[in-house]
Amino acid sequence: MKKKLAIIALLLMLFSVLSVTAFAADPIPNINIQVGDSGGTPGTSSLSIILLVTVLSVSPAILVLMTSFTRIVVVLGFVRSSLGTQTAPPNQVLVGLALFMTLFIMSPTLSDVNKVALQPYLKGEITQTDALEKAAVPMKKFMYKHTRNKDLQLFLSYTKMEQPKNVEDIPITVLVPAYAISELKTAFQMGFMIFIPFLIIDIVVSSTLMAMGMMMLPPVMISLPFKILLFVLVDGWYLVVKSLLESFGTS
């Protein structure tokens, strides 16, 4: 677990550095506490530190888009919506399950990052810049594998870039949004398939109540127990998690 946390920290540093270099030409400043004049241009180091802190504050949210978390949490949200249970299971449970499933799915990729970037950096064999560049390669390969070519071409054409020959040549600022919208499309497709059986139950219950003249009785009160019963009988959580794991395959 400590190694995985260290890898995640390295990935946060990776995207922070890439984001800073994408939007600012100044290098990452070294923070020194001293008394007296710094000798530099007034305000330059302060602005650089503010920029770095800003990027670090949003990097966890951006890192979520570089993993399998997006697809998992959206699909789990669709499951709860299709059941109609509103707050059961609560958001904390869904997000926690999505996080641990993300760690499980990303384990091969994180192991590669640990092997090629983190361990050599900790041993002093490579510099921080080299470690960040090497750590980006496994992440890019994972995202590229699950990114539709149409989505990737959308951002490449907007930046007027030609199709890169290798995955390593694709800028991370292009690959991350392309991967994110591909994940959203896949998650919505899976959510649609989850909705169908529960929608049929709602239609049958509503039609039955209308035929019996019980128009004042909310159909949700009758259909909700049947939907929960169906979900339990078919072992719904097992099927949903199995489908998510199989949708990623071997990363």
C-alpha atoms as a PDB file:
ATOM      1  CA  MET A   1       0.000   0.000   0.000  1.00  0.00           C
ATOM      2  CA  LYS A   2       2.890   2.382   0.773  1.00  0.00           C
ATOM      3  CA  LYS A   3       4.324   1.786  -2.684  1.00  0.00           C
ATOM      4  CA  LYS A   4       0.958   2.538  -4.307  1.00  0.00           C
ATOM      5  CA  LEU A   5       0.608   5.755  -2.308  1.00  0.00           C
ATOM      6  CA  ALA A   6       4.099   6.760  -3.346  1.00  0.00           C
ATOM      7  CA  ILE A   7       3.236   6.033  -6.978  1.00  0.00           C
ATOM      8  CA  ILE A   8       0.084   8.139  -6.727  1.00  0.00           C
ATOM      9  CA  ALA A   9       2.125  10.987  -5.233  1.00  0.00           C
ATOM     10  CA  LEU A  10       4.589  10.696  -8.115  1.00  0.00           C
ATOM     11  CA  LEU A  11       1.730  10.842 -10.623  1.00  0.00           C
ATOM     12  CA  LEU A  12       0.405  13.994  -8.939  1.00  0.00           C
ATOM     13  CA  MET A  13       3.843  15.529  -9.318  1.00  0.00           C
ATOM     14  CA  LEU A  14       3.885  14.399 -12.959  1.00  0.00           C
ATOM     15  CA  PHE A  15       0.713  16.150 -13.959  1.00  0.00           C
ATOM     16  CA  SER A  16       1.593  19.194 -11.892  1.00  0.00           C
ATOM     17  CA  VAL A  17       4.900  19.601 -13.715  1.00  0.00           C
ATOM     18  CA  LEU A  18       3.323  18.990 -17.112  1.00  0.00           C
ATOM     19  CA  SER A  19       0.548  21.476 -16.375  1.00  0.00           C
ATOM     20  CA  VAL A  20       2.984  24.115 -15.186  1.00  0.00           C
ATOM     21  CA  THR A  21       5.158  23.722 -18.281  1.00  0.00           C
ATOM     22  CA  ALA A  22       2.079  23.884 -20.489  1.00  0.00           C
ATOM     23  CA  PHE A  23       0.875  27.208 -19.096  1.00  0.00           C
ATOM     24  CA  ALA A  24       4.055  28.870 -17.844  1.00  0.00           C
ATOM     25  CA  ALA A  25       7.607  29.033 -19.083  1.00  0.00           C
ATOM     26  CA  ASP A  26       9.137  29.543 -15.622  1.00  0.00           C
ATOM     27  CA  PRO A  27      10.669  26.468 -13.977  1.00  0.00           C
ATOM     28  CA  ILE A  28       9.293  25.097 -10.724  1.00  0.00           C
ATOM     29  CA  PRO A  29      10.730  27.324  -7.998  1.00  0.00           C
ATOM     30  CA  ASN A  30      12.728  26.104  -5.055  1.00  0.00           C
ATOM     31  CA  ILE A  31      11.117  27.391  -1.859  1.00  0.00           C
ATOM     32  CA  ASN A  32      13.715  28.820   0.510  1.00  0.00           C
ATOM     33  CA  ILE A  33      13.036  30.638   3.772  1.00  0.00           C
ATOM     34  CA  GLN A  34      15.502  33.449   4.253  1.00  0.00           C
ATOM     35  CA  VAL A  35      15.743  36.957   5.661  1.00  0.00           C
ATOM     36  CA  GLY A  36      16.632  39.791   3.321  1.00  0.00           C
ATOM     37  CA  ASP A  37      16.296  40.563  -0.356  1.00  0.00           C
ATOM     38  CA  SER A  38      15.969  37.547  -2.653  1.00  0.00           C
ATOM     39  CA  GLY A  39      17.837  39.320  -5.423  1.00  0.00           C
ATOM     40  CA  GLY A  40      15.283  38.410  -8.062  1.00  0.00           C
ATOM     41  CA  THR A  41      12.537  40.325  -9.782  1.00  0.00           C
ATOM     42  CA  PRO A  42       9.988  41.386  -7.154  1.00  0.00           C
ATOM     43  CA  GLY A  43       6.855  39.242  -7.289  1.00  0.00           C
ATOM     44  CA  THR A  44       8.192  36.690  -9.790  1.00  0.00           C
ATOM     45  CA  SER A  45       8.872  33.911  -7.289  1.00  0.00           C
ATOM     46  CA  SER A  46       5.618  34.637  -5.444  1.00  0.00           C
ATOM     47  CA  LEU A  47       3.571  34.307  -8.612  1.00  0.00           C
ATOM     48  CA  SER A  48       5.391  31.071  -9.497  1.00  0.00           C
ATOM     49  CA  ILE A  49       4.631  29.632  -6.062  1.00  0.00           C
ATOM     50  CA  ILE A  50       0.963  30.645  -6.366  1.00  0.00           C
ATOM     51  CA  LEU A  51       0.791  28.985  -9.783  1.00  0.00           C
ATOM     52  CA  LEU A  52       2.388  25.810  -8.447  1.00  0.00           C
ATOM     53  CA  VAL A  53       0.023  25.635  -5.455  1.00  0.00           C
ATOM     54  CA  THR A  54      -2.973  26.191  -7.753  1.00  0.00           C
ATOM     55  CA  VAL A  55      -1.931  23.343 -10.035  1.00  0.00           C
ATOM     56  CA  LEU A  56      -1.314  21.054  -7.052  1.00  0.00           C
ATOM     57  CA  SER A  57      -4.781  21.829  -5.672  1.00  0.00           C
ATOM     58  CA  VAL A  58      -6.543  20.712  -8.855  1.00  0.00           C
ATOM     59  CA  SER A  59      -4.174  17.887  -9.790  1.00  0.00           C
ATOM     60  CA  PRO A  60      -6.026  15.225  -7.705  1.00  0.00           C
ATOM     61  CA  ALA A  61      -9.234  15.961  -9.603  1.00  0.00           C
ATOM     62  CA  ILE A  62      -7.350  15.832 -12.909  1.00  0.00           C
ATOM     63  CA  LEU A  63      -5.621  12.602 -11.878  1.00  0.00           C
ATOM     64  CA  VAL A  64      -9.068  11.035 -11.433  1.00  0.00           C
ATOM     65  CA  LEU A  65      -9.604  11.528 -15.175  1.00  0.00           C
ATOM     66  CA  MET A  66      -6.386   9.607 -15.942  1.00  0.00           C
ATOM     67  CA  THR A  67      -7.556   6.385 -14.266  1.00  0.00           C
ATOM     68  CA  SER A  68     -10.542   4.042 -14.399  1.00  0.00           C
ATOM     69  CA  PHE A  69     -12.323   5.984 -11.636  1.00  0.00           C
ATOM     70  CA  THR A  70     -14.577   7.971 -13.988  1.00  0.00           C
ATOM     71  CA  ARG A  71     -16.192   4.970 -15.663  1.00  0.00           C
ATOM     72  CA  ILE A  72     -16.655   3.084 -12.404  1.00  0.00           C
ATOM     73  CA  VAL A  73     -18.259   5.871 -10.399  1.00  0.00           C
ATOM     74  CA  VAL A  74     -20.601   6.867 -13.246  1.00  0.00           C
ATOM     75  CA  VAL A  75     -21.798   3.290 -13.741  1.00  0.00           C
ATOM     76  CA  LEU A  76     -22.354   2.831 -10.003  1.00  0.00           C
ATOM     77  CA  GLY A  77     -24.338   6.058 -10.026  1.00  0.00           C
ATOM     78  CA  PHE A  78     -26.515   4.680 -12.839  1.00  0.00           C
ATOM     79  CA  VAL A  79     -27.153   1.543 -10.795  1.00  0.00           C
ATOM     80  CA  ARG A  80     -28.474   3.579  -7.887  1.00  0.00           C
ATOM     81  CA  SER A  81     -30.580   5.778 -10.172  1.00  0.00           C
ATOM     82  CA  SER A  82     -32.115   2.807 -11.997  1.00  0.00           C
ATOM     83  CA  LEU A  83     -33.056   1.185  -8.690  1.00  0.00           C
ATOM     84  CA  GLY A  84     -34.633   4.428  -7.532  1.00  0.00           C
ATOM     85  CA  THR A  85     -33.270   4.100  -3.992  1.00  0.00           C
ATOM     86  CA  GLN A  86     -32.042   7.735  -4.028  1.00  0.00           C
ATOM     87  CA  THR A  87     -29.491   7.683  -1.182  1.00  0.00           C
ATOM     88  CA  ALA A  88     -28.911   3.943  -0.811  1.00  0.00           C
ATOM     89  CA  PRO A  89     -26.093   3.112  -1.086  1.00  0.00           C
ATOM     90  CA  PRO A  90     -24.776   6.534   0.016  1.00  0.00           C
ATOM     91  CA  ASN A  91     -22.219   8.536  -1.944  1.00  0.00           C
ATOM     92  CA  GLN A  92     -19.412   7.626   0.477  1.00  0.00           C
ATOM     93  CA  VAL A  93     -19.914   3.926  -0.214  1.00  0.00           C
ATOM     94  CA  LEU A  94     -20.029   4.363  -3.993  1.00  0.00           C
ATOM     95  CA  VAL A  95     -16.957   6.597  -4.080  1.00  0.00           C
ATOM     96  CA  GLY A  96     -15.053   4.300  -1.708  1.00  0.00           C
ATOM     97  CA  LEU A  97     -15.879   1.249  -3.811  1.00  0.00           C
ATOM     98  CA  ALA A  98     -14.881   3.122  -6.963  1.00  0.00           C
ATOM     99  CA  LEU A  99     -11.548   4.127  -5.420  1.00  0.00           C
ATOM    100  CA  PHE A 100     -10.601   0.594  -4.367  1.00  0.00           C
ATOM    101  CA  MET A 101     -11.714  -0.825  -7.719  1.00  0.00           C
ATOM    102  CA  THR A 102      -9.587   1.831  -9.403  1.00  0.00           C
ATOM    103  CA  LEU A 103      -6.552   0.748  -7.351  1.00  0.00           C
ATOM    104  CA  PHE A 104      -7.228  -2.876  -8.297  1.00  0.00           C
ATOM    105  CA  ILE A 105      -7.629  -2.160 -12.022  1.00  0.00           C
ATOM    106  CA  MET A 106      -4.681   0.228 -12.154  1.00  0.00           C
ATOM    107  CA  SER A 107      -2.335  -2.111 -10.257  1.00  0.00           C
ATOM    108  CA  PRO A 108      -0.453  -3.331 -13.376  1.00  0.00           C
ATOM    109  CA  THR A 109      -0.010   0.239 -14.612  1.00  0.00           C
ATOM    110  CA  LEU A 110       1.056   1.492 -11.183  1.00  0.00           C
ATOM    111  CA  SER A 111       3.514  -1.402 -10.933  1.00  0.00           C
ATOM    112  CA  ASP A 112       5.103  -0.296 -14.209  1.00  0.00           C
ATOM    113  CA  VAL A 113       5.341   3.272 -12.919  1.00  0.00           C
ATOM    114  CA  ASN A 114       6.988   1.987  -9.746  1.00  0.00           C
ATOM    115  CA  LYS A 115       9.448  -0.126 -11.724  1.00  0.00           C
ATOM    116  CA  VAL A 116      10.545   2.350 -14.381  1.00  0.00           C
ATOM    117  CA  ALA A 117      10.216   5.663 -12.526  1.00  0.00           C
ATOM    118  CA  LEU A 118       9.722   5.576  -8.761  1.00  0.00           C
ATOM    119  CA  GLN A 119      12.334   3.018  -7.708  1.00  0.00           C
ATOM    120  CA  PRO A 120      15.134   4.406  -9.943  1.00  0.00           C
ATOM    121  CA  TYR A 121      14.344   7.895  -8.651  1.00  0.00           C
ATOM    122  CA  LEU A 122      14.434   6.802  -5.005  1.00  0.00           C
ATOM    123  CA  LYS A 123      17.772   5.098  -5.638  1.00  0.00           C
ATOM    124  CA  GLY A 124      19.165   8.275  -7.183  1.00  0.00           C
ATOM    125  CA  GLU A 125      19.711   6.692 -10.594  1.00  0.00           C
ATOM    126  CA  ILE A 126      17.599   9.259 -12.475  1.00  0.00           C
ATOM    127  CA  THR A 127      16.605  12.865 -11.924  1.00  0.00           C
ATOM    128  CA  GLN A 128      13.146  14.111 -11.006  1.00  0.00           C
ATOM    129  CA  THR A 129      12.468  15.256 -14.563  1.00  0.00           C
ATOM    130  CA  ASP A 130      13.434  11.866 -15.995  1.00  0.00           C
ATOM    131  CA  ALA A 131      11.271  10.119 -13.398  1.00  0.00           C
ATOM    132  CA  LEU A 132       8.238  12.191 -14.330  1.00  0.00           C
ATOM    133  CA  GLU A 133       8.781  11.551 -18.034  1.00  0.00           C
ATOM    134  CA  LYS A 134       9.137   7.809 -17.482  1.00  0.00           C
ATOM    135  CA  ALA A 135       6.082   7.718 -15.198  1.00  0.00           C
ATOM    136  CA  ALA A 136       3.972   9.345 -17.905  1.00  0.00           C
ATOM    137  CA  VAL A 137       4.573   6.528 -20.399  1.00  0.00           C
ATOM    138  CA  PRO A 138       2.598   3.720 -18.630  1.00  0.00           C
ATOM    139  CA  MET A 139      -0.236   6.145 -17.885  1.00  0.00           C
ATOM    140  CA  LYS A 140      -0.367   7.240 -21.515  1.00  0.00           C
ATOM    141  CA  LYS A 141      -0.447   3.623 -22.691  1.00  0.00           C
ATOM    142  CA  PHE A 142      -3.348   2.843 -20.346  1.00  0.00           C
ATOM    143  CA  MET A 143      -5.352   5.870 -21.452  1.00  0.00           C
ATOM    144  CA  TYR A 144      -4.597   5.353 -25.136  1.00  0.00           C
ATOM    145  CA  LYS A 145      -5.780   1.752 -24.940  1.00  0.00           C
ATOM    146  CA  HIS A 146      -9.229   2.869 -23.759  1.00  0.00           C
ATOM    147  CA  THR A 147      -9.515   6.027 -25.885  1.00  0.00           C
ATOM    148  CA  ARG A 148     -11.532   6.045 -29.080  1.00  0.00           C
ATOM    149  CA  ASN A 149      -9.606   7.219 -32.107  1.00  0.00           C
ATOM    150  CA  LYS A 150     -12.450   9.606 -33.004  1.00  0.00           C
ATOM    151  CA  ASP A 151     -12.154  11.371 -29.653  1.00  0.00           C
ATOM    152  CA  LEU A 152      -8.383  11.579 -29.920  1.00  0.00           C
ATOM    153  CA  GLN A 153      -8.589  13.015 -33.440  1.00  0.00           C
ATOM    154  CA  LEU A 154     -10.992  15.678 -32.186  1.00  0.00           C
ATOM    155  CA  PHE A 155      -8.376  17.221 -29.896  1.00  0.00           C
ATOM    156  CA  LEU A 156      -5.479  16.589 -32.273  1.00  0.00           C
ATOM    157  CA  SER A 157      -7.282  18.404 -35.083  1.00  0.00           C
ATOM    158  CA  TYR A 158      -8.154  21.306 -32.763  1.00  0.00           C
ATOM    159  CA  THR A 159      -4.478  21.767 -31.921  1.00  0.00           C
ATOM    160  CA  LYS A 160      -3.577  21.252 -35.607  1.00  0.00           C
ATOM    161  CA  MET A 161      -1.284  18.362 -34.759  1.00  0.00           C
ATOM    162  CA  GLU A 162      -0.537  15.392 -36.961  1.00  0.00           C
ATOM    163  CA  GLN A 163      -1.188  11.851 -35.779  1.00  0.00           C
ATOM    164  CA  PRO A 164       1.772  10.935 -33.541  1.00  0.00           C
ATOM    165  CA  LYS A 165       3.640   7.799 -34.502  1.00  0.00           C
ATOM    166  CA  ASN A 166       4.027   6.596 -30.906  1.00  0.00           C
ATOM    167  CA  VAL A 167       1.878   6.839 -27.815  1.00  0.00           C
ATOM    168  CA  GLU A 168       4.746   8.581 -26.032  1.00  0.00           C
ATOM    169  CA  ASP A 169       4.552  11.463 -28.527  1.00  0.00           C
ATOM    170  CA  ILE A 170       0.919  12.295 -27.700  1.00  0.00           C
ATOM    171  CA  PRO A 171       0.766  15.340 -25.374  1.00  0.00           C
ATOM    172  CA  ILE A 172      -0.897  14.557 -22.082  1.00  0.00           C
ATOM    173  CA  THR A 173      -3.018  17.694 -22.443  1.00  0.00           C
ATOM    174  CA  VAL A 174      -4.546  16.077 -25.537  1.00  0.00           C
ATOM    175  CA  LEU A 175      -4.804  12.509 -24.300  1.00  0.00           C
ATOM    176  CA  VAL A 176      -6.493  13.233 -20.943  1.00  0.00           C
ATOM    177  CA  PRO A 177      -9.645  14.991 -22.280  1.00  0.00           C
ATOM    178  CA  ALA A 178      -9.938  12.486 -25.130  1.00  0.00           C
ATOM    179  CA  TYR A 179      -9.740   9.629 -22.646  1.00  0.00           C
ATOM    180  CA  ALA A 180     -12.269  11.336 -20.341  1.00  0.00           C
ATOM    181  CA  ILE A 181     -14.995  11.702 -22.974  1.00  0.00           C
ATOM    182  CA  SER A 182     -14.365   8.147 -24.174  1.00  0.00           C
ATOM    183  CA  GLU A 183     -14.846   6.906 -20.615  1.00  0.00           C
ATOM    184  CA  LEU A 184     -18.044   8.918 -20.238  1.00  0.00           C
ATOM    185  CA  LYS A 185     -19.478   7.459 -23.429  1.00  0.00           C
ATOM    186  CA  THR A 186     -18.642   3.918 -22.348  1.00  0.00           C
ATOM    187  CA  ALA A 187     -20.124   4.539 -18.891  1.00  0.00           C
ATOM    188  CA  PHE A 188     -23.370   5.888 -20.368  1.00  0.00           C
ATOM    189  CA  GLN A 189     -23.637   2.884 -22.694  1.00  0.00           C
ATOM    190  CA  MET A 190     -23.295   0.545 -19.726  1.00  0.00           C
ATOM    191  CA  GLY A 191     -25.765   2.652 -17.750  1.00  0.00           C
ATOM    192  CA  PHE A 192     -28.337   2.383 -20.538  1.00  0.00           C
ATOM    193  CA  MET A 193     -28.109  -1.399 -20.480  1.00  0.00           C
ATOM    194  CA  ILE A 194     -28.564  -1.353 -16.694  1.00  0.00           C
ATOM    195  CA  PHE A 195     -31.673   0.826 -16.954  1.00  0.00           C
ATOM    196  CA  ILE A 196     -33.574  -1.427 -19.392  1.00  0.00           C
ATOM    197  CA  PRO A 197     -34.760  -4.249 -17.041  1.00  0.00           C
ATOM    198  CA  PHE A 198     -35.788  -1.781 -14.329  1.00  0.00           C
ATOM    199  CA  LEU A 199     -37.614   0.352 -16.878  1.00  0.00           C
ATOM    200  CA  ILE A 200     -39.604  -2.703 -17.937  1.00  0.00           C
ATOM    201  CA  ILE A 201     -40.638  -3.278 -14.321  1.00  0.00           C
ATOM    202  CA  ASP A 202     -41.805   0.337 -14.029  1.00  0.00           C
ATOM    203  CA  ILE A 203     -43.847   0.049 -17.232  1.00  0.00           C
ATOM    204  CA  VAL A 204     -45.490  -3.214 -16.139  1.00  0.00           C
ATOM    205  CA  VAL A 205     -46.365  -1.845 -12.688  1.00  0.00           C
ATOM    206  CA  SER A 206     -47.736   1.407 -14.116  1.00  0.00           C
ATOM    207  CA  SER A 207     -49.852  -0.415 -16.690  1.00  0.00           C
ATOM    208  CA  THR A 208     -51.198  -2.776 -14.051  1.00  0.00           C
ATOM    209  CA  LEU A 209     -52.155   0.052 -11.724  1.00  0.00           C
ATOM    210  CA  MET A 210     -53.851   1.931 -14.557  1.00  0.00           C
ATOM    211  CA  ALA A 211     -55.832  -1.166 -15.535  1.00  0.00           C
ATOM    212  CA  MET A 212     -56.950  -1.633 -11.924  1.00  0.00           C
ATOM    213  CA  GLY A 213     -58.032   1.998 -11.677  1.00  0.00           C
ATOM    214  CA  MET A 214     -55.516   2.764  -8.932  1.00  0.00           C
ATOM    215  CA  MET A 215     -54.314   5.990 -10.509  1.00  0.00           C
ATOM    216  CA  MET A 216     -53.749   7.753  -7.183  1.00  0.00           C
ATOM    217  CA  LEU A 217     -51.219   5.155  -6.012  1.00  0.00           C
ATOM    218  CA  PRO A 218     -47.633   6.136  -6.957  1.00  0.00           C
ATOM    219  CA  PRO A 219     -46.157   3.363  -9.135  1.00  0.00           C
ATOM    220  CA  VAL A 220     -42.753   3.862  -7.454  1.00  0.00           C
ATOM    221  CA  MET A 221     -44.091   2.506  -4.164  1.00  0.00           C
ATOM    222  CA  ILE A 222     -44.992  -0.785  -5.864  1.00  0.00           C
ATOM    223  CA  SER A 223     -42.126  -1.094  -8.365  1.00  0.00           C
ATOM    224  CA  LEU A 224     -39.285  -0.300  -5.923  1.00  0.00           C
ATOM    225  CA  PRO A 225     -39.574  -3.549  -3.903  1.00  0.00           C
ATOM    226  CA  PHE A 226     -39.763  -5.580  -7.124  1.00  0.00           C
ATOM    227  CA  LYS A 227     -36.676  -3.867  -8.553  1.00  0.00           C
ATOM    228  CA  ILE A 228     -34.711  -4.480  -5.367  1.00  0.00           C
ATOM    229  CA  LEU A 229     -35.881  -8.103  -5.315  1.00  0.00           C
ATOM    230  CA  LEU A 230     -34.845  -8.617  -8.944  1.00  0.00           C
ATOM    231  CA  PHE A 231     -31.450  -6.984  -8.312  1.00  0.00           C
ATOM    232  CA  VAL A 232     -30.803  -9.225  -5.312  1.00  0.00           C
ATOM    233  CA  LEU A 233     -31.972 -12.430  -7.038  1.00  0.00           C
ATOM    234  CA  VAL A 234     -29.663 -11.952 -10.026  1.00  0.00           C
ATOM    235  CA  ASP A 235     -26.777 -10.905  -7.735  1.00  0.00           C
ATOM    236  CA  GLY A 236     -26.674  -7.469  -9.328  1.00  0.00           C
ATOM    237  CA  TRP A 237     -23.588  -6.067  -7.633  1.00  0.00           C
ATOM    238  CA  TYR A 238     -21.555  -9.076  -8.710  1.00  0.00           C
ATOM    239  CA  LEU A 239     -22.702  -8.657 -12.317  1.00  0.00           C
ATOM    240  CA  VAL A 240     -22.034  -4.913 -12.346  1.00  0.00           C
ATOM    241  CA  VAL A 241     -18.533  -5.235 -10.896  1.00  0.00           C
ATOM    242  CA  LYS A 242     -17.753  -8.149 -13.206  1.00  0.00           C
ATOM    243  CA  SER A 243     -18.863  -6.124 -16.225  1.00  0.00           C
ATOM    244  CA  LEU A 244     -16.681  -3.190 -15.162  1.00  0.00           C
ATOM    245  CA  LEU A 245     -13.620  -5.391 -14.688  1.00  0.00           C
ATOM    246  CA  GLU A 246     -14.138  -7.109 -18.031  1.00  0.00           C
ATOM    247  CA  SER A 247     -14.644  -3.770 -19.778  1.00  0.00           C
ATOM    248  CA  PHE A 248     -11.095  -2.789 -18.875  1.00  0.00           C
ATOM    249  CA  GLY A 249      -9.563  -6.187 -19.463  1.00  0.00           C
ATOM    250  CA  THR A 250      -5.827  -6.447 -18.856  1.00  0.00           C
ATOM    251  CA  SER A 251      -4.377  -3.008 -18.462  1.00  0.00           C
END
